[in-house]
């Protein structure tokens, strides 16, 4: 430790930023000065937002020893070098959604340096309309990387939820303990019961076979793409891709704000879906549901899933009337409420109650539990 160095004072300097220099005289190491400069590049915007004026141009002495002015690419390199990965993710998130540092997603060179993650994907979708040329190519690479990670994580869980159930009328040579037919095994071996020893000699063990479900069902995913729904849109696109790969399930995907866009032709490619959505704008749920009514083929083998925060911008009576028509047709109607970043429900409770009264089953579920719910509904 250098002479006169107080680590507590130095830490407070880093916490409070450059405006604490005049009051906290701490001896800072070269690395701490770099950290202070990197943090100040971003978080000084907090002071600007609170009306604290920047130093007027020309007020500094010409012989300043201040660190050289950072550019966004140089700042990003500094952050990556000075902080652990978890902290970098937090700082990048603050830069994008708190301080509007959109250079992070509009400069292809910077995008190449960013770590693909869920928050970055949401931000790319939010600014989708501003992405052009080379930036668009980098955005697609990041989207595919994050989507592949999500898909890999969810695919096994979805397949497990939709896996075959036991056939209790046919036995199998596949000897898996969870398929053991212990009642049938006992009946089959009763003839081998030794009355003197009161023991049964088991010469044949029976196991149930498993049959794959035959599910001639149409699943219509009607997804709200208003500004607050980025996370739900991402998971809906991935789930549509996974479900479309299951046998005898026909998936339709419709996204909406005040307009309705049918993306059913792209359900097998979640990346293409996400590159097509435009987050933001208003919300007209009733109009979207009315469109989805036209997609019913065999209502008794159809499920309409509304993914929304239920904040209707149009006339609620249209949405309620559509819900009633779905139910009267014999189709199953599920309402999947939006979840916030911490998986907490975030939706209009009053409107959800009105939809439930009209016959829609309402739930706030993670993607894994949604798959289980969907499989149970179909079975």
Protein backbone atom coordinates (compact mmCIF):
# COMPACT_ATOMS: atom_id res chain seq x y z
CA UNK A 1 0.00 0.00 0.00
CA UNK A 2 1.41 3.40 -0.95
CA UNK A 3 2.23 5.91 1.83
CA UNK A 4 -0.84 7.83 2.95
CA UNK A 5 -3.14 5.53 0.94
CA UNK A 6 -6.53 5.01 2.64
CA UNK A 7 -8.49 2.26 0.84
CA UNK A 8 -11.77 3.37 2.44
CA UNK A 9 -11.42 6.94 1.15
CA UNK A 10 -10.42 5.65 -2.26
CA UNK A 11 -13.53 3.44 -2.38
CA UNK A 12 -15.76 6.38 -1.44
CA UNK A 13 -14.18 8.40 -4.23
CA UNK A 14 -15.11 5.66 -6.69
CA UNK A 15 -18.65 5.45 -5.33
CA UNK A 16 -19.32 9.21 -5.37
CA UNK A 17 -17.51 10.04 -8.60
CA UNK A 18 -15.56 13.05 -9.77
CA UNK A 19 -17.73 15.55 -7.89
CA UNK A 20 -16.27 14.24 -4.61
CA UNK A 21 -12.69 15.14 -5.56
CA UNK A 22 -12.72 18.48 -3.77
CA UNK A 23 -13.96 17.01 -0.49
CA UNK A 24 -12.36 13.56 -0.43
CA UNK A 25 -8.59 13.79 -0.84
CA UNK A 26 -7.65 10.18 -1.39
CA UNK A 27 -4.46 8.78 -2.81
CA UNK A 28 -5.52 6.74 -5.86
CA UNK A 29 -3.52 4.05 -7.61
CA UNK A 30 -3.19 4.12 -11.40
CA UNK A 31 -5.76 1.32 -11.72
CA UNK A 32 -8.22 3.12 -9.42
CA UNK A 33 -7.90 6.25 -11.54
CA UNK A 34 -8.74 4.20 -14.62
CA UNK A 35 -11.77 2.72 -12.82
CA UNK A 36 -12.89 6.21 -11.77
CA UNK A 37 -12.55 7.48 -15.31
CA UNK A 38 -14.48 4.52 -16.77
CA UNK A 39 -17.30 4.86 -14.24
CA UNK A 40 -17.43 8.63 -14.70
CA UNK A 41 -17.78 8.23 -18.47
CA UNK A 42 -21.15 6.54 -17.88
CA UNK A 43 -22.46 7.56 -14.48
CA UNK A 44 -21.74 11.28 -14.77
CA UNK A 45 -24.92 11.19 -16.88
CA UNK A 46 -26.76 10.72 -13.60
CA UNK A 47 -25.60 14.15 -12.46
CA UNK A 48 -26.62 15.66 -15.79
CA UNK A 49 -30.07 14.20 -15.34
CA UNK A 50 -30.35 15.92 -11.96
CA UNK A 51 -29.43 19.35 -13.28
CA UNK A 52 -25.77 19.47 -12.20
CA UNK A 53 -23.95 21.56 -14.77
CA UNK A 54 -20.82 20.37 -16.48
CA UNK A 55 -17.73 22.50 -16.09
CA UNK A 56 -17.95 25.31 -18.56
CA UNK A 57 -15.70 25.01 -21.57
CA UNK A 58 -12.37 26.72 -20.96
CA UNK A 59 -12.68 26.67 -17.15
CA UNK A 60 -10.02 23.99 -16.79
CA UNK A 61 -6.37 24.89 -16.67
CA UNK A 62 -4.50 24.19 -19.87
CA UNK A 63 -2.01 21.95 -18.09
CA UNK A 64 -4.59 19.39 -16.88
CA UNK A 65 -3.38 15.91 -15.99
CA UNK A 66 -6.88 14.44 -16.44
CA UNK A 67 -7.04 11.09 -18.27
CA UNK A 68 -7.48 11.29 -22.04
CA UNK A 69 -11.10 11.57 -23.19
CA UNK A 70 -12.72 8.17 -23.67
CA UNK A 71 -14.62 7.15 -26.75
CA UNK A 72 -17.33 4.50 -26.55
CA UNK A 73 -15.14 1.70 -28.01
CA UNK A 74 -12.24 2.63 -25.73
CA UNK A 75 -14.58 2.87 -22.73
CA UNK A 76 -16.00 -0.57 -23.48
CA UNK A 77 -12.49 -2.05 -23.63
CA UNK A 78 -11.61 -0.40 -20.32
CA UNK A 79 -14.76 -1.75 -18.64
CA UNK A 80 -14.03 -5.26 -19.91
CA UNK A 81 -10.47 -5.08 -18.62
CA UNK A 82 -11.16 -3.48 -15.22
CA UNK A 83 -14.29 -5.30 -13.99
CA UNK A 84 -15.44 -8.92 -13.59
CA UNK A 85 -17.85 -10.32 -16.17
CA UNK A 86 -20.92 -10.02 -13.92
CA UNK A 87 -20.21 -6.34 -13.26
CA UNK A 88 -19.61 -5.68 -16.95
CA UNK A 89 -23.08 -7.05 -17.74
CA UNK A 90 -24.66 -4.68 -15.21
CA UNK A 91 -22.72 -1.66 -16.51
CA UNK A 92 -23.62 -2.44 -20.13
CA UNK A 93 -27.28 -2.81 -19.15
CA UNK A 94 -27.22 0.58 -17.39
CA UNK A 95 -25.54 2.14 -20.41
CA UNK A 96 -28.29 0.93 -22.73
CA UNK A 97 -31.57 1.17 -20.88
CA UNK A 98 -30.80 3.82 -18.25
CA UNK A 99 -28.52 6.28 -20.03
CA UNK A 100 -29.42 5.65 -23.66
CA UNK A 101 -25.88 4.93 -24.84
CA UNK A 102 -27.21 3.58 -28.12
CA UNK A 103 -23.75 3.61 -29.72
CA UNK A 104 -23.38 0.19 -28.10
CA UNK A 105 -25.92 -1.27 -30.52
CA UNK A 106 -25.56 1.00 -33.54
CA UNK A 107 -21.79 0.62 -34.08
CA UNK A 108 -20.88 -2.76 -35.65
CA UNK A 109 -17.39 -2.74 -34.14
CA UNK A 110 -18.80 -2.22 -30.64
CA UNK A 111 -21.47 -4.88 -31.20
CA UNK A 112 -18.76 -7.39 -32.07
CA UNK A 113 -17.21 -6.83 -28.64
CA UNK A 114 -20.41 -7.17 -26.63
CA UNK A 115 -21.18 -10.43 -24.86
CA UNK A 116 -24.43 -11.91 -26.25
CA UNK A 117 -27.00 -12.11 -23.45
CA UNK A 118 -30.73 -11.82 -22.88
CA UNK A 119 -30.68 -8.13 -21.90
CA UNK A 120 -28.68 -7.21 -25.00
CA UNK A 121 -31.14 -9.15 -27.14
CA UNK A 122 -34.06 -7.22 -25.63
CA UNK A 123 -32.29 -3.95 -26.30
CA UNK A 124 -31.60 -4.92 -29.93
CA UNK A 125 -35.29 -5.68 -30.39
CA UNK A 126 -36.25 -2.36 -28.81
CA UNK A 127 -34.03 -0.45 -31.27
CA UNK A 128 -34.75 -2.82 -34.17
CA UNK A 129 -35.91 0.01 -36.41
CA UNK A 130 -32.53 1.80 -36.10
CA UNK A 131 -30.40 -1.19 -37.13
CA UNK A 132 -29.13 -1.05 -40.68
CA UNK A 133 -26.39 -2.47 -42.88
CA UNK A 134 -23.46 -4.10 -41.12
CA UNK A 135 -25.05 -3.47 -37.72
CA UNK A 136 -28.04 -5.58 -38.77
CA UNK A 137 -25.73 -8.50 -39.57
CA UNK A 138 -24.06 -8.26 -36.17
CA UNK A 139 -27.46 -8.02 -34.50
CA UNK A 140 -28.59 -11.20 -36.24
CA UNK A 141 -25.46 -13.01 -35.02
CA UNK A 142 -26.13 -11.94 -31.41
CA UNK A 143 -29.82 -12.84 -31.65
CA UNK A 144 -29.01 -16.31 -33.00
CA UNK A 145 -26.44 -16.91 -30.27
CA UNK A 146 -28.87 -16.02 -27.47
CA UNK A 147 -31.80 -17.84 -29.09
CA UNK A 148 -29.75 -21.02 -29.52
CA UNK A 149 -28.79 -20.90 -25.83
CA UNK A 150 -32.43 -20.45 -24.75
CA UNK A 151 -33.64 -23.14 -27.15
CA UNK A 152 -31.07 -25.63 -25.92
CA UNK A 153 -32.14 -24.98 -22.34
CA UNK A 154 -35.87 -25.29 -23.00
CA UNK A 155 -36.05 -28.00 -25.69
CA UNK A 156 -35.43 -30.92 -23.31
CA UNK A 157 -38.00 -29.61 -20.83
CA UNK A 158 -40.65 -29.14 -23.52
CA UNK A 159 -39.99 -32.58 -25.01
CA UNK A 160 -40.25 -34.11 -21.56
CA UNK A 161 -43.60 -32.38 -20.95
CA UNK A 162 -44.93 -33.72 -24.27
CA UNK A 163 -43.34 -37.18 -24.02
CA UNK A 164 -45.42 -40.35 -24.41
CA UNK A 165 -47.56 -41.66 -21.60
CA UNK A 166 -47.62 -45.25 -20.50
CA UNK A 167 -49.71 -47.73 -22.48
CA UNK A 168 -51.35 -49.99 -19.90
CA UNK A 169 -52.62 -52.42 -22.52
CA UNK A 170 -49.33 -53.46 -24.12
CA UNK A 171 -46.06 -54.58 -22.58
CA UNK A 172 -42.52 -53.88 -23.68
CA UNK A 173 -39.07 -55.44 -23.63
CA UNK A 174 -37.57 -52.07 -22.63
CA UNK A 175 -36.83 -52.59 -18.94
CA UNK A 176 -37.05 -49.16 -17.30
CA UNK A 177 -38.04 -49.11 -13.64
CA UNK A 178 -40.51 -46.26 -14.08
CA UNK A 179 -42.33 -48.51 -16.63
CA UNK A 180 -42.56 -51.48 -14.23
CA UNK A 181 -46.02 -53.13 -14.20
CA UNK A 182 -45.83 -54.58 -10.71
CA UNK A 183 -49.51 -55.65 -10.59
CA UNK A 184 -49.21 -57.49 -13.91
CA UNK A 185 -45.93 -59.06 -12.78
CA UNK A 186 -47.58 -60.42 -9.63
CA UNK A 187 -50.55 -61.83 -11.55
CA UNK A 188 -48.25 -63.43 -14.12
CA UNK A 189 -46.18 -65.17 -11.42
CA UNK A 190 -48.94 -66.26 -8.99
CA UNK A 191 -48.52 -69.82 -10.23
CA UNK A 192 -44.97 -69.73 -8.86
CA UNK A 193 -46.05 -68.93 -5.28
CA UNK A 194 -44.44 -71.30 -2.74
CA UNK A 195 -47.05 -71.79 0.01
CA UNK A 196 -44.55 -73.44 2.36
CA UNK A 197 -41.97 -70.65 2.17
CA UNK A 198 -44.60 -67.97 1.50
CA UNK A 199 -42.45 -66.64 -1.31
CA UNK A 200 -43.04 -65.99 -4.97
CA UNK A 201 -40.52 -66.99 -7.58
CA UNK A 202 -40.40 -64.27 -10.23
CA UNK A 203 -39.48 -65.75 -13.59
CA UNK A 204 -40.93 -62.92 -15.71
CA UNK A 205 -41.04 -59.19 -15.01
CA UNK A 206 -43.47 -57.11 -17.04
CA UNK A 207 -42.93 -53.52 -18.13
CA UNK A 208 -45.38 -51.11 -19.73
CA UNK A 209 -44.50 -49.90 -23.19
CA UNK A 210 -44.64 -46.18 -23.98
CA UNK A 211 -46.52 -44.82 -26.92
CA UNK A 212 -45.96 -41.45 -28.40
CA UNK A 213 -48.93 -39.13 -28.05
CA UNK A 214 -50.81 -38.50 -31.26
CA UNK A 215 -51.73 -34.85 -31.03
CA UNK A 216 -53.59 -33.46 -34.03
CA UNK A 217 -53.79 -30.05 -32.37
CA UNK A 218 -53.44 -26.51 -33.66
CA UNK A 219 -51.76 -24.10 -31.24
CA UNK A 220 -52.26 -20.41 -31.98
CA UNK A 221 -49.81 -18.14 -30.17
CA UNK A 222 -51.14 -14.58 -30.14
CA UNK A 223 -48.30 -12.44 -28.79
CA UNK A 224 -48.45 -8.82 -27.64
CA UNK A 225 -45.42 -6.95 -29.04
CA UNK A 226 -45.98 -3.64 -27.23
CA UNK A 227 -42.87 -2.07 -25.70
CA UNK A 228 -43.12 -3.78 -22.30
CA UNK A 229 -43.32 -7.29 -23.79
CA UNK A 230 -39.78 -7.83 -25.12
CA UNK A 231 -38.98 -10.79 -22.87
CA UNK A 232 -42.29 -12.52 -23.59
CA UNK A 233 -41.83 -12.01 -27.34
CA UNK A 234 -38.40 -13.66 -27.22
CA UNK A 235 -39.59 -16.70 -25.30
CA UNK A 236 -42.73 -16.99 -27.45
CA UNK A 237 -40.62 -17.08 -30.62
CA UNK A 238 -38.38 -19.80 -29.18
CA UNK A 239 -41.34 -21.82 -27.87
CA UNK A 240 -43.06 -21.60 -31.26
CA UNK A 241 -39.95 -23.07 -32.87
CA UNK A 242 -39.74 -25.91 -30.36
CA UNK A 243 -43.46 -26.74 -30.52
CA UNK A 244 -43.43 -26.73 -34.32
CA UNK A 245 -40.88 -29.54 -34.20
CA UNK A 246 -43.21 -31.84 -32.23
CA UNK A 247 -45.24 -34.43 -34.17
CA UNK A 248 -48.77 -33.55 -35.22
CA UNK A 249 -48.77 -30.07 -33.71
CA UNK A 250 -49.53 -27.21 -36.07
CA UNK A 251 -48.29 -23.87 -34.72
CA UNK A 252 -49.59 -20.48 -35.78
CA UNK A 253 -47.81 -17.37 -34.52
CA UNK A 254 -49.42 -13.93 -34.60
CA UNK A 255 -47.82 -10.79 -33.13
CA UNK A 256 -49.66 -7.54 -32.62
CA UNK A 257 -49.68 -3.99 -31.30
CA UNK A 258 -52.27 -1.81 -33.04
CA UNK A 259 -51.60 -3.89 -36.18
CA UNK A 260 -51.62 -7.66 -36.61
CA UNK A 261 -48.78 -9.58 -38.28
CA UNK A 262 -49.01 -13.30 -39.02
CA UNK A 263 -45.55 -14.88 -38.76
CA UNK A 264 -46.73 -18.49 -39.03
CA UNK A 265 -44.54 -19.13 -42.07
CA UNK A 266 -41.44 -18.51 -39.92
CA UNK A 267 -42.26 -20.52 -36.77
CA UNK A 268 -39.37 -22.91 -37.38
CA UNK A 269 -36.87 -20.03 -37.30
CA UNK A 270 -37.11 -17.93 -34.10
CA UNK A 271 -34.33 -15.64 -35.32
CA UNK A 272 -36.33 -14.67 -38.41
CA UNK A 273 -39.34 -14.03 -36.20
CA UNK A 274 -37.40 -11.75 -33.88
CA UNK A 275 -35.88 -9.90 -36.80
CA UNK A 276 -39.44 -9.21 -37.99
CA UNK A 277 -41.01 -7.86 -34.79
CA UNK A 278 -41.24 -4.16 -34.05
CA UNK A 279 -41.58 -3.54 -30.31
CA UNK A 280 -43.51 -0.50 -29.20
CA UNK A 281 -46.69 1.26 -30.15
CA UNK A 282 -50.16 0.75 -28.74
CA UNK A 283 -52.14 -2.40 -28.00
CA UNK A 284 -55.31 -3.71 -29.62
CA UNK A 285 -55.90 -7.16 -28.19
CA UNK A 286 -59.48 -7.45 -29.44
CA UNK A 287 -58.42 -6.92 -33.05
CA UNK A 288 -55.68 -9.56 -32.77
CA UNK A 289 -58.02 -12.11 -31.19
CA UNK A 290 -60.58 -11.49 -33.92
CA UNK A 291 -57.90 -12.30 -36.51
CA UNK A 292 -56.97 -15.49 -34.64
CA UNK A 293 -60.58 -16.66 -34.78
CA UNK A 294 -60.07 -17.02 -38.54
CA UNK A 295 -57.21 -19.49 -37.90
CA UNK A 296 -59.47 -22.02 -36.19
CA UNK A 297 -59.66 -25.19 -38.29
CA UNK A 298 -61.09 -27.77 -35.92
CA UNK A 299 -62.02 -25.77 -32.78
CA UNK A 300 -62.23 -28.89 -30.62
CA UNK A 301 -58.58 -29.57 -31.39
CA UNK A 302 -57.39 -25.99 -31.15
CA UNK A 303 -55.78 -23.91 -28.42
CA UNK A 304 -55.47 -20.14 -28.57
CA UNK A 305 -52.78 -18.76 -26.25
CA UNK A 306 -52.86 -15.02 -25.64
CA UNK A 307 -49.47 -13.81 -24.38
CA UNK A 308 -50.01 -10.30 -23.04
CA UNK A 309 -50.02 -7.92 -20.09
CA UNK A 310 -53.76 -7.49 -20.86
CA UNK A 311 -53.40 -3.69 -21.00
CA UNK A 312 -55.99 -3.18 -23.72
CA UNK A 313 -55.74 0.06 -25.67
CA UNK A 314 -58.82 -0.62 -27.76
CA UNK A 315 -62.40 -1.23 -26.74
CA UNK A 316 -62.35 -4.03 -24.08
CA UNK A 317 -65.76 -5.31 -25.14
CA UNK A 318 -64.28 -6.59 -28.44
CA UNK A 319 -61.67 -8.62 -26.56
CA UNK A 320 -64.28 -10.04 -24.16
CA UNK A 321 -66.66 -10.90 -27.00
CA UNK A 322 -63.87 -12.71 -28.87
CA UNK A 323 -63.01 -14.73 -25.76
CA UNK A 324 -66.62 -15.82 -25.46
CA UNK A 325 -66.75 -16.86 -29.12
CA UNK A 326 -63.59 -18.94 -28.72
CA UNK A 327 -65.10 -20.77 -25.76
CA UNK A 328 -68.46 -21.29 -27.47
CA UNK A 329 -66.68 -22.79 -30.50
CA UNK A 330 -65.14 -25.49 -28.31
CA UNK A 331 -61.57 -24.22 -28.58
CA UNK A 332 -59.41 -24.05 -25.48
CA UNK A 333 -58.41 -20.55 -24.50
CA UNK A 334 -55.35 -19.79 -22.39
CA UNK A 335 -54.11 -16.39 -21.23
CA UNK A 336 -50.40 -16.26 -20.43
CA UNK A 337 -49.70 -13.17 -18.34
CA UNK A 338 -46.50 -11.22 -18.83
CA UNK A 339 -43.64 -11.65 -16.37
CA UNK A 340 -41.10 -8.99 -15.49
CA UNK A 341 -37.29 -9.50 -15.45
CA UNK A 342 -37.50 -11.25 -12.07
CA UNK A 343 -40.27 -13.63 -13.23
CA UNK A 344 -42.88 -11.69 -11.23
CA UNK A 345 -46.33 -11.24 -12.81
CA UNK A 346 -46.74 -7.82 -14.45
CA UNK A 347 -50.19 -7.37 -15.97
CA UNK A 348 -53.58 -5.68 -15.68
CA UNK A 349 -55.27 -7.78 -12.99
CA UNK A 350 -58.72 -6.25 -13.50
CA UNK A 351 -58.70 -6.99 -17.25
CA UNK A 352 -57.39 -10.51 -16.60
CA UNK A 353 -60.33 -11.09 -14.25
CA UNK A 354 -62.75 -9.98 -16.96
CA UNK A 355 -61.14 -12.37 -19.43
CA UNK A 356 -61.31 -15.20 -16.90
CA UNK A 357 -65.02 -14.50 -16.40
CA UNK A 358 -65.44 -14.76 -20.20
CA UNK A 359 -63.91 -18.25 -20.19
CA UNK A 360 -60.17 -17.71 -20.56
CA UNK A 361 -57.87 -19.66 -18.26
CA UNK A 362 -55.33 -17.17 -16.88
CA UNK A 363 -51.85 -18.01 -15.53
CA UNK A 364 -48.46 -16.36 -15.07
CA UNK A 365 -45.94 -19.08 -15.90
CA UNK A 366 -42.29 -19.49 -16.79
CA UNK A 367 -41.67 -21.14 -20.20
CA UNK A 368 -41.00 -24.52 -18.55
CA UNK A 369 -44.27 -24.50 -16.62
CA UNK A 370 -46.11 -23.16 -19.65
CA UNK A 371 -45.00 -26.25 -21.61
CA UNK A 372 -46.24 -28.51 -18.81
CA UNK A 373 -49.53 -26.61 -18.67
CA UNK A 374 -49.96 -26.87 -22.43
CA UNK A 375 -49.23 -30.61 -22.45
CA UNK A 376 -51.70 -31.18 -19.63
CA UNK A 377 -54.36 -29.18 -21.47
CA UNK A 378 -53.90 -31.27 -24.61
CA UNK A 379 -53.80 -34.66 -22.87
